[in-house]
Amino acid sequence: MELIGTILIALAVFLLFNVLFALLYILSKSAGIGFYRWITHDGLLDILSFPIMGLTQWAASSLYERHNWFVARVLLILYTILIFILAIVSFIVFGYIEDIR
């Protein structure tokens, strides 16, 4: 049970970082790209930072390439709400698992 709890809390924390990064992308596409390039200025850091910001980077870059800025931002808001809900559910399940012990 401790392994499942550890995985859930890590998932929730990674999702919360993605929510914050998505909010940066909603404010400005260039700020999101610039921050991601600043964080991952080396090839190895791309791999290490993928769980923290890679999911949002992939989603935001895909949305901005396929849609205009307004539709992309609306879809990013929906994406942010979805991953925030997933983070909350992960925290709730983590609390439930810890209460079982």
N, C-alpha and C. Protein backbone atom coordinates (compact mmCIF):
# COMPACT_ATOMS: atom_id res chain seq x y z
N MET A 1 0.82 -1.19 0.00
CA MET A 1 0.00 0.00 0.00
C MET A 1 0.86 1.26 0.00
N GLU A 2 2.04 1.19 0.58
CA GLU A 2 2.90 2.37 0.61
C GLU A 2 3.38 2.74 -0.79
N LEU A 3 3.62 1.73 -1.62
CA LEU A 3 4.04 1.99 -2.99
C LEU A 3 2.94 2.69 -3.78
N ILE A 4 1.72 2.23 -3.62
CA ILE A 4 0.59 2.86 -4.31
C ILE A 4 0.40 4.29 -3.81
N GLY A 5 0.52 4.49 -2.51
CA GLY A 5 0.41 5.83 -1.96
C GLY A 5 1.49 6.76 -2.47
N THR A 6 2.71 6.26 -2.57
CA THR A 6 3.82 7.06 -3.09
C THR A 6 3.59 7.43 -4.55
N ILE A 7 3.11 6.48 -5.33
CA ILE A 7 2.82 6.75 -6.74
C ILE A 7 1.71 7.78 -6.87
N LEU A 8 0.68 7.67 -6.05
CA LEU A 8 -0.44 8.61 -6.13
C LEU A 8 -0.03 10.03 -5.72
N ILE A 9 0.76 10.15 -4.68
CA ILE A 9 1.18 11.49 -4.25
C ILE A 9 2.12 12.10 -5.28
N ALA A 10 3.00 11.31 -5.89
CA ALA A 10 3.88 11.82 -6.94
C ALA A 10 3.06 12.25 -8.15
N LEU A 11 2.07 11.46 -8.51
CA LEU A 11 1.20 11.81 -9.63
C LEU A 11 0.46 13.12 -9.35
N ALA A 12 -0.05 13.27 -8.15
CA ALA A 12 -0.77 14.49 -7.80
C ALA A 12 0.14 15.71 -7.83
N VAL A 13 1.36 15.57 -7.34
CA VAL A 13 2.30 16.70 -7.35
C VAL A 13 2.69 17.06 -8.79
N PHE A 14 2.95 16.05 -9.62
CA PHE A 14 3.28 16.32 -11.02
C PHE A 14 2.12 17.00 -11.73
N LEU A 15 0.89 16.58 -11.43
CA LEU A 15 -0.27 17.21 -12.04
C LEU A 15 -0.43 18.66 -11.59
N LEU A 16 -0.13 18.93 -10.34
CA LEU A 16 -0.22 20.32 -9.88
C LEU A 16 0.83 21.21 -10.54
N PHE A 17 2.03 20.68 -10.75
CA PHE A 17 3.04 21.44 -11.50
C PHE A 17 2.55 21.70 -12.93
N ASN A 18 1.89 20.70 -13.53
CA ASN A 18 1.36 20.88 -14.87
C ASN A 18 0.25 21.92 -14.90
N VAL A 19 -0.55 22.00 -13.84
CA VAL A 19 -1.59 23.02 -13.77
C VAL A 19 -0.95 24.41 -13.76
N LEU A 20 0.08 24.59 -12.96
CA LEU A 20 0.75 25.89 -12.91
C LEU A 20 1.40 26.25 -14.25
N PHE A 21 2.00 25.26 -14.88
CA PHE A 21 2.63 25.50 -16.18
C PHE A 21 1.58 25.79 -17.25
N ALA A 22 0.42 25.14 -17.15
CA ALA A 22 -0.67 25.41 -18.10
C ALA A 22 -1.20 26.83 -17.91
N LEU A 23 -1.26 27.29 -16.67
CA LEU A 23 -1.70 28.67 -16.43
C LEU A 23 -0.72 29.66 -17.05
N LEU A 24 0.56 29.36 -17.01
CA LEU A 24 1.55 30.21 -17.68
C LEU A 24 1.32 30.22 -19.18
N TYR A 25 1.02 29.06 -19.75
CA TYR A 25 0.74 28.97 -21.18
C TYR A 25 -0.55 29.70 -21.55
N ILE A 26 -1.53 29.69 -20.67
CA ILE A 26 -2.77 30.41 -20.95
C ILE A 26 -2.51 31.90 -21.00
N LEU A 27 -1.67 32.39 -20.11
CA LEU A 27 -1.35 33.82 -20.11
C LEU A 27 -0.58 34.23 -21.37
N SER A 28 0.39 33.42 -21.77
CA SER A 28 1.20 33.78 -22.93
C SER A 28 1.89 32.54 -23.49
N LYS A 29 1.72 32.35 -24.79
CA LYS A 29 2.38 31.22 -25.45
C LYS A 29 3.90 31.39 -25.42
N SER A 30 4.36 32.60 -25.70
CA SER A 30 5.81 32.82 -25.73
C SER A 30 6.44 32.68 -24.34
N ALA A 31 5.70 33.06 -23.29
CA ALA A 31 6.23 32.87 -21.93
C ALA A 31 6.34 31.39 -21.60
N GLY A 32 5.37 30.60 -22.02
CA GLY A 32 5.42 29.16 -21.77
C GLY A 32 6.58 28.49 -22.49
N ILE A 33 6.75 28.85 -23.77
CA ILE A 33 7.86 28.28 -24.54
C ILE A 33 9.20 28.74 -23.98
N GLY A 34 9.29 30.02 -23.64
CA GLY A 34 10.54 30.55 -23.09
C GLY A 34 10.90 29.92 -21.76
N PHE A 35 9.91 29.73 -20.89
CA PHE A 35 10.18 29.10 -19.59
C PHE A 35 10.60 27.64 -19.78
N TYR A 36 9.93 26.93 -20.68
CA TYR A 36 10.29 25.53 -20.91
C TYR A 36 11.70 25.41 -21.49
N ARG A 37 12.06 26.29 -22.41
CA ARG A 37 13.42 26.27 -22.97
C ARG A 37 14.46 26.64 -21.92
N TRP A 38 14.10 27.54 -21.02
CA TRP A 38 15.02 27.93 -19.95
C TRP A 38 15.25 26.77 -18.98
N ILE A 39 14.19 26.03 -18.65
CA ILE A 39 14.30 24.90 -17.73
C ILE A 39 15.07 23.76 -18.38
N THR A 40 14.83 23.50 -19.66
CA THR A 40 15.42 22.34 -20.33
C THR A 40 16.48 22.76 -21.34
N HIS A 41 17.44 23.52 -20.93
CA HIS A 41 18.46 23.99 -21.87
C HIS A 41 19.44 22.89 -22.26
N ASP A 42 19.35 21.73 -21.68
CA ASP A 42 20.21 20.60 -22.01
C ASP A 42 19.33 19.43 -22.43
N GLY A 43 19.85 18.50 -23.20
CA GLY A 43 19.08 17.36 -23.67
C GLY A 43 18.62 16.43 -22.56
N LEU A 44 19.47 16.24 -21.54
CA LEU A 44 19.11 15.36 -20.44
C LEU A 44 17.98 15.94 -19.61
N LEU A 45 17.94 17.24 -19.49
CA LEU A 45 16.89 17.88 -18.70
C LEU A 45 15.51 17.72 -19.34
N ASP A 46 15.45 17.53 -20.67
CA ASP A 46 14.17 17.25 -21.31
C ASP A 46 13.57 15.96 -20.75
N ILE A 47 14.39 14.97 -20.58
CA ILE A 47 13.92 13.68 -20.07
C ILE A 47 13.56 13.78 -18.60
N LEU A 48 14.37 14.48 -17.83
CA LEU A 48 14.12 14.58 -16.40
C LEU A 48 12.92 15.46 -16.07
N SER A 49 12.66 16.48 -16.88
CA SER A 49 11.56 17.38 -16.58
C SER A 49 10.26 16.97 -17.24
N PHE A 50 10.24 15.88 -17.98
CA PHE A 50 9.01 15.48 -18.65
C PHE A 50 7.86 15.22 -17.69
N PRO A 51 8.05 14.51 -16.57
CA PRO A 51 6.91 14.32 -15.67
C PRO A 51 6.42 15.62 -15.05
N ILE A 52 7.29 16.58 -14.91
CA ILE A 52 6.90 17.82 -14.25
C ILE A 52 6.17 18.75 -15.21
N MET A 53 6.71 18.94 -16.41
CA MET A 53 6.10 19.90 -17.34
C MET A 53 5.91 19.38 -18.74
N GLY A 54 6.37 18.21 -19.05
CA GLY A 54 6.34 17.71 -20.42
C GLY A 54 4.95 17.47 -20.97
N LEU A 55 4.03 17.02 -20.13
CA LEU A 55 2.67 16.76 -20.58
C LEU A 55 2.00 18.05 -21.03
N THR A 56 2.15 19.09 -20.26
CA THR A 56 1.56 20.38 -20.63
C THR A 56 2.27 20.98 -21.83
N GLN A 57 3.57 20.83 -21.92
CA GLN A 57 4.31 21.34 -23.07
C GLN A 57 3.82 20.68 -24.34
N TRP A 58 3.64 19.38 -24.31
CA TRP A 58 3.16 18.65 -25.48
C TRP A 58 1.74 19.07 -25.84
N ALA A 59 0.85 19.15 -24.85
CA ALA A 59 -0.54 19.51 -25.11
C ALA A 59 -0.65 20.95 -25.62
N ALA A 60 0.06 21.87 -24.98
CA ALA A 60 -0.04 23.27 -25.39
C ALA A 60 0.55 23.50 -26.77
N SER A 61 1.68 22.90 -27.06
CA SER A 61 2.28 23.10 -28.38
C SER A 61 1.41 22.49 -29.46
N SER A 62 0.78 21.36 -29.18
CA SER A 62 -0.14 20.75 -30.15
C SER A 62 -1.36 21.62 -30.38
N LEU A 63 -1.90 22.17 -29.30
CA LEU A 63 -3.08 23.02 -29.44
C LEU A 63 -2.78 24.31 -30.17
N TYR A 64 -1.66 24.94 -29.85
CA TYR A 64 -1.32 26.20 -30.52
C TYR A 64 -0.96 25.99 -31.99
N GLU A 65 -0.46 24.79 -32.36
CA GLU A 65 -0.16 24.53 -33.76
C GLU A 65 -1.42 24.28 -34.58
N ARG A 66 -2.44 23.68 -33.98
CA ARG A 66 -3.63 23.28 -34.74
C ARG A 66 -4.75 24.31 -34.73
N HIS A 67 -4.80 25.15 -33.73
CA HIS A 67 -5.92 26.08 -33.57
C HIS A 67 -5.41 27.51 -33.46
N ASN A 68 -6.34 28.46 -33.64
CA ASN A 68 -5.96 29.85 -33.41
C ASN A 68 -5.82 30.09 -31.92
N TRP A 69 -5.35 31.27 -31.54
CA TRP A 69 -5.00 31.52 -30.14
C TRP A 69 -6.21 31.44 -29.22
N PHE A 70 -7.39 31.88 -29.68
CA PHE A 70 -8.56 31.87 -28.81
C PHE A 70 -9.02 30.44 -28.51
N VAL A 71 -9.15 29.64 -29.54
CA VAL A 71 -9.59 28.25 -29.35
C VAL A 71 -8.55 27.47 -28.55
N ALA A 72 -7.28 27.73 -28.82
CA ALA A 72 -6.22 27.03 -28.08
C ALA A 72 -6.27 27.38 -26.60
N ARG A 73 -6.53 28.61 -26.28
CA ARG A 73 -6.60 29.00 -24.86
C ARG A 73 -7.84 28.44 -24.18
N VAL A 74 -8.95 28.38 -24.89
CA VAL A 74 -10.16 27.77 -24.31
C VAL A 74 -9.91 26.28 -24.05
N LEU A 75 -9.29 25.61 -24.99
CA LEU A 75 -8.97 24.19 -24.80
C LEU A 75 -7.94 24.00 -23.69
N LEU A 76 -7.01 24.92 -23.55
CA LEU A 76 -6.04 24.85 -22.45
C LEU A 76 -6.72 25.06 -21.10
N ILE A 77 -7.73 25.90 -21.05
CA ILE A 77 -8.49 26.08 -19.81
C ILE A 77 -9.20 24.78 -19.45
N LEU A 78 -9.81 24.12 -20.45
CA LEU A 78 -10.46 22.83 -20.19
C LEU A 78 -9.45 21.77 -19.76
N TYR A 79 -8.28 21.79 -20.40
CA TYR A 79 -7.20 20.87 -20.04
C TYR A 79 -6.74 21.12 -18.60
N THR A 80 -6.62 22.38 -18.22
CA THR A 80 -6.20 22.73 -16.86
C THR A 80 -7.21 22.27 -15.84
N ILE A 81 -8.48 22.44 -16.14
CA ILE A 81 -9.54 21.98 -15.24
C ILE A 81 -9.48 20.46 -15.10
N LEU A 82 -9.27 19.76 -16.21
CA LEU A 82 -9.21 18.29 -16.17
C LEU A 82 -8.04 17.80 -15.33
N ILE A 83 -6.86 18.36 -15.53
CA ILE A 83 -5.73 17.86 -14.74
C ILE A 83 -5.81 18.30 -13.29
N PHE A 84 -6.47 19.43 -13.01
CA PHE A 84 -6.69 19.83 -11.62
C PHE A 84 -7.63 18.85 -10.93
N ILE A 85 -8.68 18.43 -11.63
CA ILE A 85 -9.60 17.44 -11.07
C ILE A 85 -8.88 16.11 -10.83
N LEU A 86 -8.03 15.71 -11.77
CA LEU A 86 -7.26 14.47 -11.59
C LEU A 86 -6.31 14.58 -10.40
N ALA A 87 -5.73 15.74 -10.18
CA ALA A 87 -4.85 15.93 -9.02
C ALA A 87 -5.65 15.82 -7.73
N ILE A 88 -6.82 16.42 -7.69
CA ILE A 88 -7.66 16.34 -6.49
C ILE A 88 -8.07 14.90 -6.22
N VAL A 89 -8.45 14.18 -7.27
CA VAL A 89 -8.83 12.78 -7.10
C VAL A 89 -7.64 11.96 -6.60
N SER A 90 -6.46 12.25 -7.10
CA SER A 90 -5.26 11.53 -6.63
C SER A 90 -5.01 11.80 -5.16
N PHE A 91 -5.16 13.05 -4.72
CA PHE A 91 -5.00 13.36 -3.30
C PHE A 91 -6.07 12.68 -2.45
N ILE A 92 -7.30 12.61 -2.93
CA ILE A 92 -8.38 11.95 -2.18
C ILE A 92 -8.11 10.46 -2.05
N VAL A 93 -7.71 9.83 -3.15
CA VAL A 93 -7.42 8.39 -3.10
C VAL A 93 -6.21 8.13 -2.22
N PHE A 94 -5.21 9.00 -2.26
CA PHE A 94 -4.05 8.87 -1.38
C PHE A 94 -4.49 8.94 0.08
N GLY A 95 -5.34 9.89 0.40
CA GLY A 95 -5.85 9.99 1.77
C GLY A 95 -6.64 8.77 2.19
N TYR A 96 -7.43 8.23 1.27
CA TYR A 96 -8.20 7.03 1.57
C TYR A 96 -7.27 5.83 1.82
N ILE A 97 -6.24 5.70 0.99
CA ILE A 97 -5.29 4.59 1.16
C ILE A 97 -4.55 4.74 2.48
N GLU A 98 -4.16 5.94 2.85
CA GLU A 98 -3.44 6.15 4.11
C GLU A 98 -4.34 5.92 5.32
N ASP A 99 -5.64 6.17 5.19
CA ASP A 99 -6.56 5.90 6.29
C ASP A 99 -6.81 4.42 6.52
N ILE A 100 -6.62 3.63 5.48
CA ILE A 100 -6.82 2.17 5.60
C ILE A 100 -5.77 1.57 6.52
N ARG A 101 -4.54 2.10 6.47
CA ARG A 101 -3.48 1.55 7.30
C ARG A 101 -3.85 1.81 8.71
